[in-house]
Amino acid sequence: MTKPNKRIVQPRPDGQWEVRKPGADRASAVTSTQGQGIDRAREILSGDGGGEMQVRGRNGQIRRQDTIDPGNDPRSSKG
């Protein structure tokens, strides 16, 4: 079984937002807004064969998760 392709959009201490692959030493991208980070994570995952995107709020809690095509959605329901 292959390891799922995943990116996390999360806040940085300097107030910017980063797109990071779990376990990576540095961010894949740094943006000034969460929305820009989400867009960049979608671009990265789409170009890398799809995967899971997780968005965290300023409090560190998961706000949303999306499967980016052609990823493998573990849930069989739509949404």
PDB file of N, CA and C in Angstrom:
ATOM      1  N   MET A   1       0.845  -1.186   0.000  1.00  0.00           N
ATOM      2  CA  MET A   1       0.000   0.000   0.000  1.00  0.00           C
ATOM      3  C   MET A   1       0.887   1.245   0.000  1.00  0.00           C
ATOM      4  N   THR A   2       0.550   2.208  -0.812  1.00  0.00           N
ATOM      5  CA  THR A   2       1.347   3.420  -0.893  1.00  0.00           C
ATOM      6  C   THR A   2       0.914   4.419   0.170  1.00  0.00           C
ATOM      7  N   LYS A   3       1.852   5.235   0.589  1.00  0.00           N
ATOM      8  CA  LYS A   3       1.573   6.271   1.578  1.00  0.00           C
ATOM      9  C   LYS A   3       0.767   7.384   0.908  1.00  0.00           C
ATOM     10  N   PRO A   4      -0.317   7.855   1.542  1.00  0.00           N
ATOM     11  CA  PRO A   4      -1.140   8.886   0.903  1.00  0.00           C
ATOM     12  C   PRO A   4      -0.378  10.206   0.749  1.00  0.00           C
ATOM     13  N   ASN A   5      -0.639  10.888  -0.342  1.00  0.00           N
ATOM     14  CA  ASN A   5      -0.056  12.192  -0.609  1.00  0.00           C
ATOM     15  C   ASN A   5      -0.891  13.218   0.154  1.00  0.00           C
ATOM     16  N   LYS A   6      -0.275  14.001   1.032  1.00  0.00           N
ATOM     17  CA  LYS A   6      -1.025  14.908   1.890  1.00  0.00           C
ATOM     18  C   LYS A   6      -0.288  16.226   2.035  1.00  0.00           C
ATOM     19  N   ARG A   7      -1.044  17.308   2.138  1.00  0.00           N
ATOM     20  CA  ARG A   7      -0.496  18.629   2.438  1.00  0.00           C
ATOM     21  C   ARG A   7      -1.361  19.268   3.521  1.00  0.00           C
ATOM     22  N   ILE A   8      -0.706  19.976   4.430  1.00  0.00           N
ATOM     23  CA  ILE A   8      -1.401  20.665   5.522  1.00  0.00           C
ATOM     24  C   ILE A   8      -1.191  22.165   5.349  1.00  0.00           C
ATOM     25  N   VAL A   9      -2.296  22.912   5.379  1.00  0.00           N
ATOM     26  CA  VAL A   9      -2.242  24.377   5.348  1.00  0.00           C
ATOM     27  C   VAL A   9      -2.417  24.816   6.795  1.00  0.00           C
ATOM     28  N   GLN A  10      -1.409  25.531   7.327  1.00  0.00           N
ATOM     29  CA  GLN A  10      -1.456  25.908   8.735  1.00  0.00           C
ATOM     30  C   GLN A  10      -0.781  27.255   8.959  1.00  0.00           C
ATOM     31  N   PRO A  11      -1.138  27.922  10.076  1.00  0.00           N
ATOM     32  CA  PRO A  11      -0.541  29.231  10.366  1.00  0.00           C
ATOM     33  C   PRO A  11       0.894  29.083  10.849  1.00  0.00           C
ATOM     34  N   ARG A  12       1.667  30.146  10.606  1.00  0.00           N
ATOM     35  CA  ARG A  12       3.044  30.225  11.079  1.00  0.00           C
ATOM     36  C   ARG A  12       3.108  31.255  12.206  1.00  0.00           C
ATOM     37  N   PRO A  13       4.118  31.199  13.056  1.00  0.00           N
ATOM     38  CA  PRO A  13       4.243  32.184  14.142  1.00  0.00           C
ATOM     39  C   PRO A  13       4.371  33.627  13.643  1.00  0.00           C
ATOM     40  N   ASP A  14       4.865  33.813  12.407  1.00  0.00           N
ATOM     41  CA  ASP A  14       5.042  35.167  11.872  1.00  0.00           C
ATOM     42  C   ASP A  14       3.762  35.738  11.261  1.00  0.00           C
ATOM     43  N   GLY A  15       2.647  34.989  11.351  1.00  0.00           N
ATOM     44  CA  GLY A  15       1.366  35.479  10.839  1.00  0.00           C
ATOM     45  C   GLY A  15       1.050  35.032   9.420  1.00  0.00           C
ATOM     46  N   GLN A  16       2.018  34.437   8.747  1.00  0.00           N
ATOM     47  CA  GLN A  16       1.770  33.939   7.398  1.00  0.00           C
ATOM     48  C   GLN A  16       1.256  32.503   7.480  1.00  0.00           C
ATOM     49  N   TRP A  17       0.950  31.936   6.327  1.00  0.00           N
ATOM     50  CA  TRP A  17       0.417  30.577   6.239  1.00  0.00           C
ATOM     51  C   TRP A  17       1.367  29.719   5.430  1.00  0.00           C
ATOM     52  N   GLU A  18       1.506  28.455   5.833  1.00  0.00           N
ATOM     53  CA  GLU A  18       2.400  27.554   5.129  1.00  0.00           C
ATOM     54  C   GLU A  18       1.656  26.319   4.640  1.00  0.00           C
ATOM     55  N   VAL A  19       2.173  25.772   3.543  1.00  0.00           N
ATOM     56  CA  VAL A  19       1.723  24.493   3.013  1.00  0.00           C
ATOM     57  C   VAL A  19       2.858  23.532   3.296  1.00  0.00           C
ATOM     58  N   ARG A  20       2.569  22.492   4.057  1.00  0.00           N
ATOM     59  CA  ARG A  20       3.638  21.582   4.481  1.00  0.00           C
ATOM     60  C   ARG A  20       3.220  20.126   4.281  1.00  0.00           C
ATOM     61  N   LYS A  21       4.146  19.328   3.800  1.00  0.00           N
ATOM     62  CA  LYS A  21       3.952  17.883   3.714  1.00  0.00           C
ATOM     63  C   LYS A  21       4.305  17.309   5.080  1.00  0.00           C
ATOM     64  N   PRO A  22       3.468  16.436   5.643  1.00  0.00           N
ATOM     65  CA  PRO A  22       3.774  15.876   6.965  1.00  0.00           C
ATOM     66  C   PRO A  22       5.163  15.245   6.999  1.00  0.00           C
ATOM     67  N   GLY A  23       5.928  15.573   8.031  1.00  0.00           N
ATOM     68  CA  GLY A  23       7.273  15.040   8.188  1.00  0.00           C
ATOM     69  C   GLY A  23       8.359  15.831   7.487  1.00  0.00           C
ATOM     70  N   ALA A  24       7.973  16.839   6.706  1.00  0.00           N
ATOM     71  CA  ALA A  24       8.962  17.643   5.972  1.00  0.00           C
ATOM     72  C   ALA A  24       9.663  18.624   6.916  1.00  0.00           C
ATOM     73  N   ASP A  25      10.920  18.928   6.607  1.00  0.00           N
ATOM     74  CA  ASP A  25      11.688  19.877   7.416  1.00  0.00           C
ATOM     75  C   ASP A  25      11.310  21.323   7.151  1.00  0.00           C
ATOM     76  N   ARG A  26      10.820  21.586   5.943  1.00  0.00           N
ATOM     77  CA  ARG A  26      10.447  22.961   5.613  1.00  0.00           C
ATOM     78  C   ARG A  26       9.155  22.972   4.801  1.00  0.00           C
ATOM     79  N   ALA A  27       8.555  24.145   4.706  1.00  0.00           N
ATOM     80  CA  ALA A  27       7.286  24.293   4.010  1.00  0.00           C
ATOM     81  C   ALA A  27       7.462  24.192   2.499  1.00  0.00           C
ATOM     82  N   SER A  28       6.433  23.663   1.832  1.00  0.00           N
ATOM     83  CA  SER A  28       6.412  23.618   0.369  1.00  0.00           C
ATOM     84  C   SER A  28       6.144  25.005  -0.192  1.00  0.00           C
ATOM     85  N   ALA A  29       5.353  25.800   0.546  1.00  0.00           N
ATOM     86  CA  ALA A  29       5.009  27.157   0.123  1.00  0.00           C
ATOM     87  C   ALA A  29       4.638  27.979   1.353  1.00  0.00           C
ATOM     88  N   VAL A  30       4.856  29.284   1.272  1.00  0.00           N
ATOM     89  CA  VAL A  30       4.464  30.227   2.312  1.00  0.00           C
ATOM     90  C   VAL A  30       3.652  31.326   1.643  1.00  0.00           C
ATOM     91  N   THR A  31       2.465  31.624   2.209  1.00  0.00           N
ATOM     92  CA  THR A  31       1.577  32.630   1.631  1.00  0.00           C
ATOM     93  C   THR A  31       1.143  33.617   2.716  1.00  0.00           C
ATOM     94  N   SER A  32       0.585  34.725   2.287  1.00  0.00           N
ATOM     95  CA  SER A  32       0.164  35.734   3.259  1.00  0.00           C
ATOM     96  C   SER A  32      -1.252  35.506   3.784  1.00  0.00           C
ATOM     97  N   THR A  33      -2.067  34.696   3.080  1.00  0.00           N
ATOM     98  CA  THR A  33      -3.423  34.413   3.560  1.00  0.00           C
ATOM     99  C   THR A  33      -3.701  32.912   3.531  1.00  0.00           C
ATOM    100  N   GLN A  34      -4.677  32.507   4.320  1.00  0.00           N
ATOM    101  CA  GLN A  34      -5.073  31.105   4.337  1.00  0.00           C
ATOM    102  C   GLN A  34      -5.631  30.688   2.972  1.00  0.00           C
ATOM    103  N   GLY A  35      -6.421  31.556   2.360  1.00  0.00           N
ATOM    104  CA  GLY A  35      -7.001  31.256   1.047  1.00  0.00           C
ATOM    105  C   GLY A  35      -5.941  31.002  -0.007  1.00  0.00           C
ATOM    106  N   GLN A  36      -4.880  31.819   0.002  1.00  0.00           N
ATOM    107  CA  GLN A  36      -3.776  31.601  -0.936  1.00  0.00           C
ATOM    108  C   GLN A  36      -3.084  30.278  -0.651  1.00  0.00           C
ATOM    109  N   GLY A  37      -2.962  29.928   0.630  1.00  0.00           N
ATOM    110  CA  GLY A  37      -2.357  28.661   1.006  1.00  0.00           C
ATOM    111  C   GLY A  37      -3.177  27.475   0.509  1.00  0.00           C
ATOM    112  N   ILE A  38      -4.503  27.581   0.623  1.00  0.00           N
ATOM    113  CA  ILE A  38      -5.395  26.529   0.144  1.00  0.00           C
ATOM    114  C   ILE A  38      -5.259  26.373  -1.361  1.00  0.00           C
ATOM    115  N   ASP A  39      -5.257  27.488  -2.081  1.00  0.00           N
ATOM    116  CA  ASP A  39      -5.097  27.435  -3.539  1.00  0.00           C
ATOM    117  C   ASP A  39      -3.767  26.792  -3.928  1.00  0.00           C
ATOM    118  N   ARG A  40      -2.704  27.159  -3.226  1.00  0.00           N
ATOM    119  CA  ARG A  40      -1.379  26.613  -3.545  1.00  0.00           C
ATOM    120  C   ARG A  40      -1.315  25.118  -3.228  1.00  0.00           C
ATOM    121  N   ALA A  41      -1.914  24.700  -2.109  1.00  0.00           N
ATOM    122  CA  ALA A  41      -1.931  23.279  -1.760  1.00  0.00           C
ATOM    123  C   ALA A  41      -2.673  22.478  -2.826  1.00  0.00           C
ATOM    124  N   ARG A  42      -3.778  23.034  -3.335  1.00  0.00           N
ATOM    125  CA  ARG A  42      -4.532  22.363  -4.407  1.00  0.00           C
ATOM    126  C   ARG A  42      -3.657  22.213  -5.658  1.00  0.00           C
ATOM    127  N   GLU A  43      -2.934  23.269  -6.006  1.00  0.00           N
ATOM    128  CA  GLU A  43      -2.046  23.219  -7.176  1.00  0.00           C
ATOM    129  C   GLU A  43      -0.973  22.144  -7.001  1.00  0.00           C
ATOM    130  N   ILE A  44      -0.350  22.117  -5.825  1.00  0.00           N
ATOM    131  CA  ILE A  44       0.719  21.150  -5.555  1.00  0.00           C
ATOM    132  C   ILE A  44       0.187  19.728  -5.641  1.00  0.00           C
ATOM    133  N   LEU A  45      -0.951  19.472  -4.985  1.00  0.00           N
ATOM    134  CA  LEU A  45      -1.506  18.118  -4.985  1.00  0.00           C
ATOM    135  C   LEU A  45      -1.991  17.700  -6.370  1.00  0.00           C
ATOM    136  N   SER A  46      -2.611  18.619  -7.100  1.00  0.00           N
ATOM    137  CA  SER A  46      -3.079  18.293  -8.453  1.00  0.00           C
ATOM    138  C   SER A  46      -1.913  17.921  -9.352  1.00  0.00           C
ATOM    139  N   GLY A  47      -0.823  18.644  -9.231  1.00  0.00           N
ATOM    140  CA  GLY A  47       0.357  18.380 -10.044  1.00  0.00           C
ATOM    141  C   GLY A  47       1.123  17.144  -9.624  1.00  0.00           C
ATOM    142  N   ASP A  48       0.816  16.641  -8.431  1.00  0.00           N
ATOM    143  CA  ASP A  48       1.532  15.485  -7.897  1.00  0.00           C
ATOM    144  C   ASP A  48       0.638  14.244  -7.848  1.00  0.00           C
ATOM    145  N   GLY A  49      -0.419  14.214  -8.666  1.00  0.00           N
ATOM    146  CA  GLY A  49      -1.266  13.030  -8.742  1.00  0.00           C
ATOM    147  C   GLY A  49      -2.422  12.988  -7.769  1.00  0.00           C
ATOM    148  N   GLY A  50      -2.703  14.102  -7.096  1.00  0.00           N
ATOM    149  CA  GLY A  50      -3.835  14.159  -6.179  1.00  0.00           C
ATOM    150  C   GLY A  50      -3.454  13.746  -4.775  1.00  0.00           C
ATOM    151  N   GLY A  51      -4.405  13.896  -3.854  1.00  0.00           N
ATOM    152  CA  GLY A  51      -4.154  13.529  -2.466  1.00  0.00           C
ATOM    153  C   GLY A  51      -5.101  14.244  -1.528  1.00  0.00           C
ATOM    154  N   GLU A  52      -4.708  14.298  -0.262  1.00  0.00           N
ATOM    155  CA  GLU A  52      -5.539  14.883   0.785  1.00  0.00           C
ATOM    156  C   GLU A  52      -4.980  16.239   1.217  1.00  0.00           C
ATOM    157  N   MET A  53      -5.890  17.217   1.367  1.00  0.00           N
ATOM    158  CA  MET A  53      -5.512  18.528   1.878  1.00  0.00           C
ATOM    159  C   MET A  53      -6.218  18.737   3.212  1.00  0.00           C
ATOM    160  N   GLN A  54      -5.454  19.140   4.208  1.00  0.00           N
ATOM    161  CA  GLN A  54      -6.005  19.415   5.531  1.00  0.00           C
ATOM    162  C   GLN A  54      -5.749  20.884   5.855  1.00  0.00           C
ATOM    163  N   VAL A  55      -6.790  21.588   6.306  1.00  0.00           N
ATOM    164  CA  VAL A  55      -6.668  23.005   6.639  1.00  0.00           C
ATOM    165  C   VAL A  55      -6.851  23.169   8.142  1.00  0.00           C
ATOM    166  N   ARG A  56      -5.882  23.810   8.776  1.00  0.00           N
ATOM    167  CA  ARG A  56      -5.951  24.060  10.215  1.00  0.00           C
ATOM    168  C   ARG A  56      -6.160  25.545  10.473  1.00  0.00           C
ATOM    169  N   GLY A  57      -6.937  25.850  11.492  1.00  0.00           N
ATOM    170  CA  GLY A  57      -7.187  27.235  11.880  1.00  0.00           C
ATOM    171  C   GLY A  57      -6.057  27.769  12.744  1.00  0.00           C
ATOM    172  N   ARG A  58      -6.169  29.018  13.160  1.00  0.00           N
ATOM    173  CA  ARG A  58      -5.137  29.635  14.001  1.00  0.00           C
ATOM    174  C   ARG A  58      -4.994  28.929  15.348  1.00  0.00           C
ATOM    175  N   ASN A  59      -6.055  28.254  15.791  1.00  0.00           N
ATOM    176  CA  ASN A  59      -5.999  27.523  17.059  1.00  0.00           C
ATOM    177  C   ASN A  59      -5.407  26.124  16.898  1.00  0.00           C
ATOM    178  N   GLY A  60      -5.046  25.743  15.682  1.00  0.00           N
ATOM    179  CA  GLY A  60      -4.428  24.449  15.419  1.00  0.00           C
ATOM    180  C   GLY A  60      -5.406  23.326  15.137  1.00  0.00           C
ATOM    181  N   GLN A  61      -6.703  23.587  15.317  1.00  0.00           N
ATOM    182  CA  GLN A  61      -7.694  22.548  15.061  1.00  0.00           C
ATOM    183  C   GLN A  61      -7.984  22.431  13.572  1.00  0.00           C
ATOM    184  N   ILE A  62      -8.323  21.216  13.149  1.00  0.00           N
ATOM    185  CA  ILE A  62      -8.640  20.960  11.746  1.00  0.00           C
ATOM    186  C   ILE A  62      -9.964  21.643  11.412  1.00  0.00           C
ATOM    187  N   ARG A  63      -9.943  22.499  10.390  1.00  0.00           N
ATOM    188  CA  ARG A  63     -11.144  23.197   9.938  1.00  0.00           C
ATOM    189  C   ARG A  63     -11.848  22.446   8.829  1.00  0.00           C
ATOM    190  N   ARG A  64     -11.052  21.826   7.944  1.00  0.00           N
ATOM    191  CA  ARG A  64     -11.639  21.050   6.854  1.00  0.00           C
ATOM    192  C   ARG A  64     -10.597  20.155   6.223  1.00  0.00           C
ATOM    193  N   GLN A  65     -11.093  19.143   5.529  1.00  0.00           N
ATOM    194  CA  GLN A  65     -10.245  18.229   4.774  1.00  0.00           C
ATOM    195  C   GLN A  65     -10.898  17.996   3.425  1.00  0.00           C
ATOM    196  N   ASP A  66     -10.090  17.975   2.390  1.00  0.00           N
ATOM    197  CA  ASP A  66     -10.593  17.753   1.036  1.00  0.00           C
ATOM    198  C   ASP A  66      -9.699  16.755   0.321  1.00  0.00           C
ATOM    199  N   THR A  67     -10.320  15.982  -0.564  1.00  0.00           N
ATOM    200  CA  THR A  67      -9.576  15.113  -1.462  1.00  0.00           C
ATOM    201  C   THR A  67      -9.416  15.842  -2.780  1.00  0.00           C
ATOM    202  N   ILE A  68      -8.180  15.977  -3.233  1.00  0.00           N
ATOM    203  CA  ILE A  68      -7.875  16.653  -4.479  1.00  0.00           C
ATOM    204  C   ILE A  68      -7.688  15.590  -5.550  1.00  0.00           C
ATOM    205  N   ASP A  69      -8.459  15.692  -6.635  1.00  0.00           N
ATOM    206  CA  ASP A  69      -8.394  14.712  -7.722  1.00  0.00           C
ATOM    207  C   ASP A  69      -6.990  14.634  -8.290  1.00  0.00           C
ATOM    208  N   PRO A  70      -6.589  13.502  -8.735  1.00  0.00           N
ATOM    209  CA  PRO A  70      -7.259  12.206  -8.721  1.00  0.00           C
ATOM    210  C   PRO A  70      -6.929  11.396  -7.482  1.00  0.00           C
ATOM    211  N   GLY A  71      -7.115  11.967  -6.310  1.00  0.00           N
ATOM    212  CA  GLY A  71      -6.818  11.284  -5.054  1.00  0.00           C
ATOM    213  C   GLY A  71      -7.769  10.144  -4.761  1.00  0.00           C
ATOM    214  N   ASN A  72      -7.532   9.453  -3.658  1.00  0.00           N
ATOM    215  CA  ASN A  72      -8.334   8.321  -3.249  1.00  0.00           C
ATOM    216  C   ASN A  72      -9.096   8.719  -1.987  1.00  0.00           C
ATOM    217  N   ASP A  73     -10.382   9.071  -2.127  1.00  0.00           N
ATOM    218  CA  ASP A  73     -11.191   9.489  -1.003  1.00  0.00           C
ATOM    219  C   ASP A  73     -11.552   8.271  -0.161  1.00  0.00           C
ATOM    220  N   PRO A  74     -11.139   8.231   1.122  1.00  0.00           N
ATOM    221  CA  PRO A  74     -11.440   7.068   1.946  1.00  0.00           C
ATOM    222  C   PRO A  74     -12.915   6.945   2.317  1.00  0.00           C
ATOM    223  N   ARG A  75     -13.670   8.007   2.143  1.00  0.00           N
ATOM    224  CA  ARG A  75     -15.107   7.961   2.434  1.00  0.00           C
ATOM    225  C   ARG A  75     -15.870   7.680   1.147  1.00  0.00           C
ATOM    226  N   SER A  76     -16.861   6.841   1.241  1.00  0.00           N
ATOM    227  CA  SER A  76     -17.652   6.503   0.055  1.00  0.00           C
ATOM    228  C   SER A  76     -18.788   7.489  -0.182  1.00  0.00           C
ATOM    229  N   SER A  77     -19.080   8.350   0.816  1.00  0.00           N
ATOM    230  CA  SER A  77     -20.162   9.326   0.665  1.00  0.00           C
ATOM    231  C   SER A  77     -19.665  10.567  -0.064  1.00  0.00           C
ATOM    232  N   LYS A  78     -20.590  11.292  -0.688  1.00  0.00           N
ATOM    233  CA  LYS A  78     -20.225  12.522  -1.359  1.00  0.00           C
ATOM    234  C   LYS A  78     -20.020  13.615  -0.320  1.00  0.00           C
ATOM    235  N   GLY A  79     -19.100  14.551  -0.628  1.00  0.00           N
ATOM    236  CA  GLY A  79     -18.926  15.685   0.272  1.00  0.00           C
ATOM    237  C   GLY A  79     -17.549  15.919   0.701  1.00  0.00           C
TER     238      GLY A  79
END
